[in-house]
């Protein structure tokens, strides 16, 4: 039995059909006897749509309210994926950042994860053979404020979860070939990194 963190990016969960495909991938891991924690991004295009909504309200939309708004994208995906897994007769549950909680520090839109409570989810995946689904990209400050950890933050969430839960593997499903030294779409000479530690 292996404890795995699986992270699915926006294109992987971009439609209901893709979410159902992701559920099938997770089902295979579950049937193999693995303990699975899933991190999800917002559906492809959803974050930009929410940003556009905020701009239509006000060009001075506060960072606090933007964090509340943008964090909803990942929460939607987490719930839909949990529903798809339950339909496959798998004990799955979505966990919002404040329910765990995922503790962050730093300013709105650019916070970082400093810790999280692992007991409830560990009990769920071990004792109840459940699949835990966590929305990436977000957490909650010591003052109880919802915070986001910047674009691409779902990958950072997956790595933090893998480290804090002492996972055997962290697998990131995405539309790029791997982890690069910088954004290969912007810097053509970016180098692909074959192996990287949790700390890096």
N, C-alpha and C. Protein backbone atom coordinates (compact mmCIF):
# COMPACT_ATOMS: atom_id res chain seq x y z
N UNK A 1 0.84 -1.19 0.00
CA UNK A 1 0.00 0.00 0.00
C UNK A 1 0.88 1.25 0.00
N UNK A 2 0.52 2.20 -0.84
CA UNK A 2 1.30 3.43 -1.00
C UNK A 2 0.39 4.62 -0.73
N UNK A 3 0.94 5.62 -0.03
CA UNK A 3 0.19 6.87 0.16
C UNK A 3 0.59 7.83 -0.96
N UNK A 4 -0.40 8.25 -1.73
CA UNK A 4 -0.13 9.11 -2.88
C UNK A 4 -0.90 10.40 -2.81
N UNK A 5 -0.26 11.46 -3.27
CA UNK A 5 -0.94 12.73 -3.53
C UNK A 5 -1.02 12.86 -5.05
N UNK A 6 -2.22 12.99 -5.57
CA UNK A 6 -2.45 13.17 -7.00
C UNK A 6 -2.99 14.58 -7.22
N UNK A 7 -2.33 15.33 -8.09
CA UNK A 7 -2.80 16.69 -8.37
C UNK A 7 -3.24 16.79 -9.83
N UNK A 8 -4.43 17.32 -10.04
CA UNK A 8 -4.99 17.47 -11.39
C UNK A 8 -5.18 18.94 -11.70
N UNK A 9 -4.52 19.39 -12.77
CA UNK A 9 -4.57 20.77 -13.20
C UNK A 9 -5.86 21.13 -13.92
N UNK A 10 -5.98 22.40 -14.25
CA UNK A 10 -7.21 22.94 -14.83
C UNK A 10 -7.67 22.27 -16.11
N UNK A 11 -6.72 21.94 -17.00
CA UNK A 11 -7.12 21.27 -18.24
C UNK A 11 -7.57 19.84 -17.98
N UNK A 12 -6.98 19.20 -16.97
CA UNK A 12 -7.36 17.82 -16.63
C UNK A 12 -8.79 17.74 -16.10
N UNK A 13 -9.27 18.82 -15.50
CA UNK A 13 -10.63 18.85 -14.93
C UNK A 13 -11.48 19.92 -15.63
N UNK A 14 -11.15 20.21 -16.88
CA UNK A 14 -11.75 21.33 -17.60
C UNK A 14 -13.20 21.16 -18.00
N UNK A 15 -13.68 19.92 -18.05
CA UNK A 15 -15.08 19.64 -18.41
C UNK A 15 -15.60 18.53 -17.50
N UNK A 16 -16.91 18.34 -17.51
CA UNK A 16 -17.50 17.24 -16.72
C UNK A 16 -16.95 15.90 -17.19
N UNK A 17 -16.78 15.75 -18.51
CA UNK A 17 -16.24 14.49 -19.04
C UNK A 17 -14.82 14.25 -18.54
N UNK A 18 -14.02 15.31 -18.48
CA UNK A 18 -12.65 15.15 -17.98
C UNK A 18 -12.63 14.85 -16.49
N UNK A 19 -13.53 15.45 -15.75
CA UNK A 19 -13.64 15.15 -14.32
C UNK A 19 -14.00 13.67 -14.13
N UNK A 20 -14.89 13.16 -14.96
CA UNK A 20 -15.26 11.74 -14.87
C UNK A 20 -14.06 10.85 -15.23
N UNK A 21 -13.24 11.30 -16.19
CA UNK A 21 -12.03 10.55 -16.55
C UNK A 21 -11.04 10.54 -15.38
N UNK A 22 -10.89 11.68 -14.72
CA UNK A 22 -10.03 11.77 -13.54
C UNK A 22 -10.53 10.83 -12.45
N UNK A 23 -11.85 10.77 -12.28
CA UNK A 23 -12.44 9.85 -11.29
C UNK A 23 -12.05 8.40 -11.59
N UNK A 24 -12.00 8.05 -12.87
CA UNK A 24 -11.59 6.69 -13.25
C UNK A 24 -10.13 6.42 -12.92
N UNK A 25 -9.27 7.44 -13.11
CA UNK A 25 -7.85 7.30 -12.75
C UNK A 25 -7.73 7.06 -11.25
N UNK A 26 -8.45 7.85 -10.48
CA UNK A 26 -8.41 7.73 -9.01
C UNK A 26 -8.96 6.37 -8.57
N UNK A 27 -10.02 5.91 -9.25
CA UNK A 27 -10.61 4.61 -8.92
C UNK A 27 -9.57 3.49 -9.05
N UNK A 28 -8.75 3.56 -10.09
CA UNK A 28 -7.70 2.53 -10.29
C UNK A 28 -6.71 2.54 -9.13
N UNK A 29 -6.32 3.74 -8.69
CA UNK A 29 -5.41 3.85 -7.55
C UNK A 29 -6.05 3.28 -6.29
N UNK A 30 -7.32 3.58 -6.11
CA UNK A 30 -8.08 3.11 -4.95
C UNK A 30 -8.18 1.59 -4.95
N UNK A 31 -8.51 1.02 -6.10
CA UNK A 31 -8.64 -0.43 -6.22
C UNK A 31 -7.30 -1.14 -6.03
N UNK A 32 -6.22 -0.43 -6.31
CA UNK A 32 -4.88 -0.99 -6.09
C UNK A 32 -4.50 -0.98 -4.61
N UNK A 33 -5.37 -0.43 -3.77
CA UNK A 33 -5.14 -0.42 -2.33
C UNK A 33 -4.37 0.77 -1.82
N UNK A 34 -4.18 1.77 -2.65
CA UNK A 34 -3.41 2.94 -2.24
C UNK A 34 -4.25 3.92 -1.42
N UNK A 35 -3.61 4.62 -0.50
CA UNK A 35 -4.25 5.73 0.19
C UNK A 35 -4.05 6.96 -0.68
N UNK A 36 -5.15 7.67 -1.00
CA UNK A 36 -5.08 8.73 -1.99
C UNK A 36 -5.64 10.05 -1.45
N UNK A 37 -4.82 11.10 -1.61
CA UNK A 37 -5.27 12.47 -1.37
C UNK A 37 -5.16 13.19 -2.72
N UNK A 38 -6.23 13.84 -3.12
CA UNK A 38 -6.27 14.49 -4.42
C UNK A 38 -6.31 16.01 -4.23
N UNK A 39 -5.48 16.70 -5.01
CA UNK A 39 -5.49 18.17 -5.04
C UNK A 39 -6.01 18.59 -6.41
N UNK A 40 -6.94 19.52 -6.45
CA UNK A 40 -7.50 19.95 -7.73
C UNK A 40 -7.36 21.44 -7.94
N UNK A 41 -7.20 21.79 -9.22
CA UNK A 41 -7.25 23.18 -9.65
C UNK A 41 -8.69 23.53 -10.03
N UNK A 42 -8.91 24.80 -10.31
CA UNK A 42 -10.19 25.21 -10.89
C UNK A 42 -10.27 24.69 -12.31
N UNK A 43 -11.49 24.48 -12.80
CA UNK A 43 -11.68 24.06 -14.18
C UNK A 43 -11.04 25.10 -15.10
N UNK A 44 -10.45 24.64 -16.19
CA UNK A 44 -9.73 25.50 -17.12
C UNK A 44 -10.56 26.72 -17.50
N UNK A 45 -9.98 27.90 -17.33
CA UNK A 45 -10.65 29.15 -17.69
C UNK A 45 -11.49 29.76 -16.58
N UNK A 46 -11.78 28.99 -15.52
CA UNK A 46 -12.67 29.46 -14.46
C UNK A 46 -12.07 30.62 -13.67
N UNK A 47 -10.76 30.53 -13.35
CA UNK A 47 -10.13 31.61 -12.57
C UNK A 47 -10.16 32.92 -13.35
N UNK A 48 -9.84 32.87 -14.64
CA UNK A 48 -9.90 34.09 -15.46
C UNK A 48 -11.32 34.64 -15.54
N UNK A 49 -12.30 33.74 -15.62
CA UNK A 49 -13.70 34.18 -15.65
C UNK A 49 -14.05 34.91 -14.35
N UNK A 50 -13.60 34.39 -13.22
CA UNK A 50 -13.90 35.02 -11.94
C UNK A 50 -13.19 36.38 -11.82
N UNK A 51 -11.95 36.45 -12.32
CA UNK A 51 -11.24 37.74 -12.32
C UNK A 51 -12.01 38.77 -13.15
N UNK A 52 -12.50 38.34 -14.30
CA UNK A 52 -13.29 39.25 -15.16
C UNK A 52 -14.56 39.71 -14.46
N UNK A 53 -15.21 38.81 -13.71
CA UNK A 53 -16.39 39.20 -12.94
C UNK A 53 -16.02 40.30 -11.96
N UNK A 54 -14.89 40.14 -11.26
CA UNK A 54 -14.51 41.13 -10.26
C UNK A 54 -14.25 42.49 -10.91
N UNK A 55 -13.64 42.48 -12.11
CA UNK A 55 -13.34 43.74 -12.80
C UNK A 55 -14.60 44.45 -13.28
N UNK A 56 -15.63 43.65 -13.58
CA UNK A 56 -16.91 44.26 -13.98
C UNK A 56 -17.58 44.93 -12.79
N UNK A 57 -17.34 44.40 -11.60
CA UNK A 57 -17.86 45.04 -10.39
C UNK A 57 -17.07 46.31 -10.08
N UNK A 58 -15.73 46.18 -10.07
CA UNK A 58 -14.88 47.31 -9.72
C UNK A 58 -13.44 47.04 -10.12
N UNK A 59 -12.78 48.07 -10.65
CA UNK A 59 -11.35 47.95 -10.94
C UNK A 59 -10.54 47.96 -9.65
N UNK A 60 -11.17 48.37 -8.54
CA UNK A 60 -10.50 48.38 -7.24
C UNK A 60 -11.04 47.30 -6.32
N UNK A 61 -11.41 46.18 -6.89
CA UNK A 61 -11.88 45.02 -6.11
C UNK A 61 -10.79 44.65 -5.10
N UNK A 62 -11.13 44.57 -3.82
CA UNK A 62 -10.10 44.36 -2.80
C UNK A 62 -9.48 42.96 -2.90
N UNK A 63 -8.23 42.87 -2.48
CA UNK A 63 -7.53 41.57 -2.53
C UNK A 63 -8.21 40.55 -1.62
N UNK A 64 -8.76 41.01 -0.51
CA UNK A 64 -9.46 40.09 0.40
C UNK A 64 -10.63 39.43 -0.31
N UNK A 65 -11.48 40.27 -0.94
CA UNK A 65 -12.65 39.73 -1.62
C UNK A 65 -12.27 38.93 -2.86
N UNK A 66 -11.16 39.31 -3.50
CA UNK A 66 -10.69 38.54 -4.65
C UNK A 66 -10.29 37.13 -4.22
N UNK A 67 -9.64 37.01 -3.06
CA UNK A 67 -9.28 35.68 -2.56
C UNK A 67 -10.51 34.83 -2.28
N UNK A 68 -11.52 35.45 -1.67
CA UNK A 68 -12.78 34.72 -1.41
C UNK A 68 -13.38 34.25 -2.73
N UNK A 69 -13.39 35.13 -3.72
CA UNK A 69 -13.97 34.81 -5.02
C UNK A 69 -13.18 33.73 -5.75
N UNK A 70 -11.86 33.92 -5.86
CA UNK A 70 -11.05 33.00 -6.66
C UNK A 70 -10.95 31.61 -6.04
N UNK A 71 -10.99 31.52 -4.73
CA UNK A 71 -10.90 30.21 -4.08
C UNK A 71 -12.11 29.33 -4.39
N UNK A 72 -13.20 29.95 -4.83
CA UNK A 72 -14.40 29.17 -5.14
C UNK A 72 -14.21 28.26 -6.36
N UNK A 73 -13.31 28.62 -7.27
CA UNK A 73 -13.10 27.80 -8.47
C UNK A 73 -12.64 26.39 -8.14
N UNK A 74 -11.64 26.28 -7.27
CA UNK A 74 -11.13 24.97 -6.86
C UNK A 74 -12.15 24.21 -6.02
N UNK A 75 -12.93 24.94 -5.23
CA UNK A 75 -13.95 24.29 -4.40
C UNK A 75 -15.02 23.62 -5.26
N UNK A 76 -15.38 24.27 -6.37
CA UNK A 76 -16.35 23.69 -7.30
C UNK A 76 -15.81 22.37 -7.86
N UNK A 77 -14.56 22.39 -8.31
CA UNK A 77 -13.95 21.18 -8.86
C UNK A 77 -13.92 20.06 -7.83
N UNK A 78 -13.53 20.40 -6.59
CA UNK A 78 -13.42 19.39 -5.54
C UNK A 78 -14.76 18.71 -5.30
N UNK A 79 -15.82 19.48 -5.26
CA UNK A 79 -17.16 18.92 -5.04
C UNK A 79 -17.61 18.04 -6.21
N UNK A 80 -17.38 18.53 -7.43
CA UNK A 80 -17.78 17.74 -8.61
C UNK A 80 -17.03 16.42 -8.68
N UNK A 81 -15.73 16.45 -8.37
CA UNK A 81 -14.94 15.23 -8.41
C UNK A 81 -15.37 14.26 -7.31
N UNK A 82 -15.66 14.78 -6.12
CA UNK A 82 -16.16 13.92 -5.05
C UNK A 82 -17.46 13.26 -5.48
N UNK A 83 -18.33 14.03 -6.11
CA UNK A 83 -19.59 13.47 -6.61
C UNK A 83 -19.38 12.37 -7.64
N UNK A 84 -18.40 12.58 -8.53
CA UNK A 84 -18.10 11.57 -9.55
C UNK A 84 -17.58 10.29 -8.92
N UNK A 85 -16.78 10.41 -7.87
CA UNK A 85 -16.24 9.24 -7.19
C UNK A 85 -17.33 8.50 -6.39
N UNK A 86 -18.20 9.26 -5.74
CA UNK A 86 -19.32 8.64 -5.00
C UNK A 86 -20.19 7.84 -5.96
N UNK A 87 -20.39 8.37 -7.17
CA UNK A 87 -21.17 7.64 -8.17
C UNK A 87 -20.52 6.31 -8.52
N UNK A 88 -19.19 6.26 -8.43
CA UNK A 88 -18.45 5.01 -8.68
C UNK A 88 -18.39 4.13 -7.43
N UNK A 89 -19.19 4.48 -6.42
CA UNK A 89 -19.28 3.71 -5.16
C UNK A 89 -17.98 3.77 -4.34
N UNK A 90 -17.30 4.92 -4.43
CA UNK A 90 -16.08 5.13 -3.65
C UNK A 90 -16.40 6.15 -2.55
N UNK A 91 -15.91 5.89 -1.36
CA UNK A 91 -16.10 6.81 -0.24
C UNK A 91 -15.19 8.01 -0.44
N UNK A 92 -15.73 9.08 -0.99
CA UNK A 92 -14.94 10.28 -1.29
C UNK A 92 -15.57 11.49 -0.61
N UNK A 93 -14.72 12.44 -0.28
CA UNK A 93 -15.19 13.63 0.43
C UNK A 93 -14.30 14.80 0.07
N UNK A 94 -14.92 15.95 -0.23
CA UNK A 94 -14.14 17.18 -0.45
C UNK A 94 -13.96 17.88 0.89
N UNK A 95 -12.79 18.49 1.05
CA UNK A 95 -12.45 19.21 2.29
C UNK A 95 -12.07 20.63 1.92
N UNK A 96 -12.81 21.61 2.41
CA UNK A 96 -12.46 23.00 2.15
C UNK A 96 -11.30 23.41 3.05
N UNK A 97 -10.58 24.45 2.61
CA UNK A 97 -9.34 24.82 3.31
C UNK A 97 -9.53 25.06 4.80
N UNK A 98 -10.67 25.65 5.19
CA UNK A 98 -10.89 25.97 6.59
C UNK A 98 -11.33 24.75 7.40
N UNK A 99 -11.79 23.68 6.72
CA UNK A 99 -12.21 22.48 7.44
C UNK A 99 -11.03 21.64 7.89
N UNK A 100 -9.89 21.79 7.22
CA UNK A 100 -8.75 20.93 7.54
C UNK A 100 -8.05 21.40 8.83
N UNK A 101 -7.64 22.59 9.09
CA UNK A 101 -7.45 23.69 8.16
C UNK A 101 -6.05 23.68 7.54
N UNK A 102 -5.94 24.39 6.39
CA UNK A 102 -4.65 24.65 5.76
C UNK A 102 -4.24 26.05 6.22
N UNK A 103 -3.21 26.12 7.03
CA UNK A 103 -2.80 27.41 7.61
C UNK A 103 -1.80 28.11 6.71
N UNK A 104 -2.04 29.40 6.47
CA UNK A 104 -1.16 30.19 5.61
C UNK A 104 -0.70 31.44 6.34
N UNK A 105 0.36 32.02 5.80
CA UNK A 105 0.79 33.34 6.27
C UNK A 105 1.16 34.17 5.05
N UNK A 106 1.18 35.48 5.24
CA UNK A 106 1.47 36.37 4.12
C UNK A 106 0.22 37.10 3.67
N UNK A 107 0.41 37.97 2.68
CA UNK A 107 -0.69 38.83 2.26
C UNK A 107 -1.65 38.11 1.31
N UNK A 108 -2.83 38.70 1.17
CA UNK A 108 -3.82 38.16 0.24
C UNK A 108 -3.24 38.07 -1.16
N UNK A 109 -3.61 37.00 -1.86
CA UNK A 109 -3.21 36.69 -3.24
C UNK A 109 -1.76 36.23 -3.35
N UNK A 110 -1.03 36.23 -2.23
CA UNK A 110 0.37 35.79 -2.29
C UNK A 110 0.79 35.17 -0.96
N UNK A 111 -0.11 34.37 -0.37
CA UNK A 111 0.20 33.72 0.91
C UNK A 111 1.00 32.44 0.65
N UNK A 112 1.48 31.84 1.72
CA UNK A 112 2.15 30.56 1.57
C UNK A 112 1.70 29.62 2.69
N UNK A 113 1.68 28.34 2.39
CA UNK A 113 1.25 27.34 3.36
C UNK A 113 2.35 27.15 4.40
N UNK A 114 1.97 27.20 5.68
CA UNK A 114 2.95 26.97 6.74
C UNK A 114 2.67 25.68 7.50
N UNK A 115 1.41 25.23 7.50
CA UNK A 115 1.09 23.99 8.21
C UNK A 115 -0.34 23.58 7.89
N UNK A 116 -0.69 22.37 8.25
CA UNK A 116 -2.09 21.95 8.16
C UNK A 116 -2.32 20.81 9.13
N UNK A 117 -3.57 20.66 9.54
CA UNK A 117 -3.94 19.58 10.44
C UNK A 117 -4.12 18.32 9.59
N UNK A 118 -3.35 17.28 9.89
CA UNK A 118 -3.39 16.07 9.05
C UNK A 118 -4.23 14.95 9.64
N UNK A 119 -4.63 15.06 10.91
CA UNK A 119 -5.28 13.93 11.58
C UNK A 119 -6.60 13.51 10.93
N UNK A 120 -7.51 14.46 10.70
CA UNK A 120 -8.84 14.10 10.17
C UNK A 120 -8.73 13.40 8.82
N UNK A 121 -7.90 13.94 7.95
CA UNK A 121 -7.77 13.34 6.62
C UNK A 121 -7.03 12.01 6.69
N UNK A 122 -5.99 11.93 7.52
CA UNK A 122 -5.29 10.65 7.68
C UNK A 122 -6.24 9.56 8.18
N UNK A 123 -7.07 9.91 9.16
CA UNK A 123 -8.06 8.94 9.67
C UNK A 123 -9.03 8.53 8.57
N UNK A 124 -9.45 9.50 7.77
CA UNK A 124 -10.43 9.23 6.71
C UNK A 124 -9.85 8.31 5.64
N UNK A 125 -8.62 8.56 5.19
CA UNK A 125 -8.07 7.74 4.11
C UNK A 125 -7.59 6.37 4.62
N UNK A 126 -7.24 6.31 5.92
CA UNK A 126 -6.74 5.05 6.46
C UNK A 126 -7.87 4.19 7.02
N UNK A 127 -8.63 4.74 7.96
CA UNK A 127 -9.64 3.94 8.66
C UNK A 127 -10.91 3.74 7.85
N UNK A 128 -11.30 4.77 7.08
CA UNK A 128 -12.54 4.68 6.31
C UNK A 128 -12.29 4.36 4.84
N UNK A 129 -11.02 4.12 4.48
CA UNK A 129 -10.65 3.82 3.08
C UNK A 129 -11.21 4.86 2.12
N UNK A 130 -11.19 6.11 2.56
CA UNK A 130 -11.76 7.19 1.77
C UNK A 130 -10.75 7.87 0.86
N UNK A 131 -11.28 8.60 -0.11
CA UNK A 131 -10.46 9.46 -0.97
C UNK A 131 -10.73 10.90 -0.54
N UNK A 132 -9.68 11.59 -0.13
CA UNK A 132 -9.81 12.99 0.30
C UNK A 132 -9.49 13.91 -0.87
N UNK A 133 -10.36 14.86 -1.13
CA UNK A 133 -10.15 15.82 -2.22
C UNK A 133 -10.03 17.21 -1.63
N UNK A 134 -8.90 17.86 -1.93
CA UNK A 134 -8.59 19.17 -1.36
C UNK A 134 -8.46 20.18 -2.49
N UNK A 135 -9.15 21.32 -2.39
CA UNK A 135 -8.93 22.37 -3.39
C UNK A 135 -7.55 22.98 -3.22
N UNK A 136 -6.81 23.10 -4.30
CA UNK A 136 -5.48 23.69 -4.23
C UNK A 136 -5.56 25.21 -4.18
N UNK A 137 -4.38 25.85 -4.06
CA UNK A 137 -4.28 27.29 -4.31
C UNK A 137 -4.78 28.16 -3.16
N UNK A 138 -5.10 27.56 -1.99
CA UNK A 138 -5.75 28.36 -0.97
C UNK A 138 -5.51 27.83 0.43
N UNK A 139 -5.80 28.67 1.39
CA UNK A 139 -5.71 28.30 2.79
C UNK A 139 -6.44 29.32 3.63
N UNK A 140 -6.11 29.31 4.93
CA UNK A 140 -6.76 30.24 5.84
C UNK A 140 -5.70 30.79 6.80
N UNK A 141 -5.76 32.10 7.03
CA UNK A 141 -4.76 32.74 7.89
C UNK A 141 -5.10 32.52 9.35
N UNK A 142 -4.16 32.88 10.23
CA UNK A 142 -4.41 32.74 11.67
C UNK A 142 -5.57 33.62 12.12
N UNK A 143 -5.92 34.64 11.32
CA UNK A 143 -7.05 35.52 11.63
C UNK A 143 -8.36 35.02 11.04
N UNK A 144 -8.32 33.84 10.40
CA UNK A 144 -9.53 33.26 9.83
C UNK A 144 -9.89 33.80 8.46
N UNK A 145 -8.94 34.45 7.80
CA UNK A 145 -9.20 35.00 6.46
C UNK A 145 -8.84 33.97 5.39
N UNK A 146 -9.69 33.82 4.37
CA UNK A 146 -9.36 32.96 3.24
C UNK A 146 -8.25 33.64 2.44
N UNK A 147 -7.22 32.86 2.11
CA UNK A 147 -6.09 33.39 1.36
C UNK A 147 -5.81 32.50 0.16
N UNK A 148 -5.24 33.08 -0.89
CA UNK A 148 -4.77 32.27 -2.02
C UNK A 148 -3.26 32.39 -2.10
N UNK A 149 -2.65 31.40 -2.75
CA UNK A 149 -1.20 31.35 -2.74
C UNK A 149 -0.60 31.60 -4.12
N UNK A 150 -1.31 32.38 -4.93
CA UNK A 150 -0.76 32.83 -6.21
C UNK A 150 -1.05 31.84 -7.32
N UNK A 151 -0.96 32.33 -8.57
CA UNK A 151 -1.22 31.48 -9.73
C UNK A 151 -0.26 30.31 -9.73
N UNK A 152 -0.76 29.14 -10.09
CA UNK A 152 0.07 27.94 -10.03
C UNK A 152 0.14 27.38 -8.62
N UNK A 153 -0.65 27.96 -7.72
CA UNK A 153 -0.59 27.57 -6.31
C UNK A 153 -1.07 26.17 -6.01
N UNK A 154 -1.83 25.57 -6.93
CA UNK A 154 -2.30 24.20 -6.68
C UNK A 154 -1.15 23.21 -6.69
N UNK A 155 -0.13 23.45 -7.53
CA UNK A 155 1.06 22.60 -7.51
C UNK A 155 1.77 22.74 -6.16
N UNK A 156 1.88 23.98 -5.68
CA UNK A 156 2.52 24.21 -4.38
C UNK A 156 1.72 23.52 -3.27
N UNK A 157 0.39 23.55 -3.37
CA UNK A 157 -0.44 22.85 -2.39
C UNK A 157 -0.14 21.36 -2.41
N UNK A 158 -0.06 20.78 -3.61
CA UNK A 158 0.19 19.33 -3.73
C UNK A 158 1.51 18.95 -3.08
N UNK A 159 2.54 19.74 -3.32
CA UNK A 159 3.86 19.44 -2.76
C UNK A 159 3.84 19.59 -1.24
N UNK A 160 3.18 20.65 -0.75
CA UNK A 160 3.08 20.85 0.70
C UNK A 160 2.31 19.71 1.36
N UNK A 161 1.21 19.29 0.74
CA UNK A 161 0.41 18.18 1.27
C UNK A 161 1.24 16.90 1.28
N UNK A 162 1.95 16.63 0.20
CA UNK A 162 2.78 15.43 0.13
C UNK A 162 3.81 15.41 1.25
N UNK A 163 4.41 16.56 1.51
CA UNK A 163 5.43 16.63 2.56
C UNK A 163 4.81 16.48 3.95
N UNK A 164 3.75 17.23 4.22
CA UNK A 164 3.14 17.21 5.55
C UNK A 164 2.48 15.88 5.88
N UNK A 165 1.95 15.20 4.86
CA UNK A 165 1.31 13.89 5.08
C UNK A 165 2.29 12.74 4.92
N UNK A 166 3.57 13.06 4.71
CA UNK A 166 4.61 12.04 4.54
C UNK A 166 4.21 11.03 3.45
N UNK A 167 3.78 11.55 2.31
CA UNK A 167 3.34 10.69 1.20
C UNK A 167 4.54 10.01 0.55
N UNK A 168 4.29 8.84 -0.01
CA UNK A 168 5.33 8.12 -0.74
C UNK A 168 5.56 8.73 -2.12
N UNK A 169 4.48 9.27 -2.71
CA UNK A 169 4.58 9.84 -4.06
C UNK A 169 3.68 11.05 -4.18
N UNK A 170 4.13 12.00 -5.02
CA UNK A 170 3.30 13.14 -5.41
C UNK A 170 3.31 13.18 -6.93
N UNK A 171 2.15 12.92 -7.52
CA UNK A 171 2.04 12.87 -8.98
C UNK A 171 1.19 14.05 -9.45
N UNK A 172 1.79 14.85 -10.34
CA UNK A 172 1.10 16.03 -10.85
C UNK A 172 0.69 15.78 -12.30
N UNK A 173 -0.62 15.73 -12.52
CA UNK A 173 -1.18 15.53 -13.86
C UNK A 173 -1.42 16.90 -14.47
N UNK A 174 -0.79 17.16 -15.61
CA UNK A 174 -0.86 18.50 -16.19
C UNK A 174 -0.68 18.42 -17.70
N UNK A 175 -0.74 19.57 -18.35
CA UNK A 175 -0.61 19.60 -19.81
C UNK A 175 0.80 19.99 -20.25
N UNK A 176 1.77 19.95 -19.30
CA UNK A 176 3.17 20.15 -19.68
C UNK A 176 3.94 18.87 -19.37
N UNK A 177 5.16 18.78 -19.89
CA UNK A 177 5.93 17.54 -19.81
C UNK A 177 6.58 17.28 -18.46
N UNK A 178 6.60 18.25 -17.58
CA UNK A 178 7.24 18.06 -16.29
C UNK A 178 7.50 19.38 -15.60
N UNK A 179 8.36 19.34 -14.58
CA UNK A 179 8.73 20.56 -13.85
C UNK A 179 9.93 21.19 -14.56
N UNK A 180 9.82 22.47 -14.86
CA UNK A 180 10.89 23.19 -15.56
C UNK A 180 11.53 24.23 -14.65
N UNK A 181 12.72 24.66 -15.01
CA UNK A 181 13.45 25.67 -14.24
C UNK A 181 12.74 27.02 -14.26
N UNK A 182 11.96 27.26 -15.31
CA UNK A 182 11.13 28.46 -15.42
C UNK A 182 10.03 28.15 -16.44
N UNK A 183 9.16 29.09 -16.73
CA UNK A 183 8.04 28.85 -17.64
C UNK A 183 8.55 28.65 -19.08
N UNK A 184 8.44 27.43 -19.64
CA UNK A 184 8.96 27.18 -20.99
C UNK A 184 8.21 27.93 -22.08
N UNK A 185 6.99 28.38 -21.78
CA UNK A 185 6.24 29.16 -22.76
C UNK A 185 6.79 30.58 -22.91
N UNK A 186 7.48 31.04 -21.85
CA UNK A 186 8.03 32.40 -21.87
C UNK A 186 9.53 32.40 -22.10
N UNK A 187 10.20 31.39 -21.57
CA UNK A 187 11.67 31.30 -21.69
C UNK A 187 12.01 30.00 -22.43
N UNK A 188 12.29 30.08 -23.73
CA UNK A 188 12.50 28.87 -24.54
C UNK A 188 13.65 27.98 -24.06
N UNK A 189 14.63 28.54 -23.35
CA UNK A 189 15.77 27.73 -22.90
C UNK A 189 15.54 27.08 -21.53
N UNK A 190 14.30 27.13 -21.04
CA UNK A 190 13.97 26.50 -19.75
C UNK A 190 14.35 25.03 -19.78
N UNK A 191 14.92 24.56 -18.68
CA UNK A 191 15.37 23.17 -18.62
C UNK A 191 14.37 22.32 -17.81
N UNK A 192 14.09 21.12 -18.32
CA UNK A 192 13.24 20.19 -17.60
C UNK A 192 14.03 19.55 -16.47
N UNK A 193 13.42 19.49 -15.28
CA UNK A 193 14.07 18.90 -14.11
C UNK A 193 13.55 17.48 -13.95
N UNK A 194 14.44 16.50 -14.04
CA UNK A 194 14.01 15.09 -13.98
C UNK A 194 13.55 14.67 -12.60
N UNK A 195 14.29 15.10 -11.56
CA UNK A 195 13.92 14.75 -10.19
C UNK A 195 14.03 16.01 -9.34
N UNK A 196 13.07 16.16 -8.40
CA UNK A 196 13.08 17.35 -7.54
C UNK A 196 12.57 16.93 -6.17
N UNK A 197 13.20 17.44 -5.13
CA UNK A 197 12.79 17.11 -3.76
C UNK A 197 11.58 17.95 -3.37
N UNK A 198 10.87 17.55 -2.31
CA UNK A 198 9.74 18.35 -1.81
C UNK A 198 10.19 19.75 -1.46
N UNK A 199 11.36 19.86 -0.78
CA UNK A 199 11.84 21.17 -0.36
C UNK A 199 12.10 22.08 -1.56
N UNK A 200 12.72 21.53 -2.61
CA UNK A 200 13.00 22.34 -3.80
C UNK A 200 11.71 22.75 -4.48
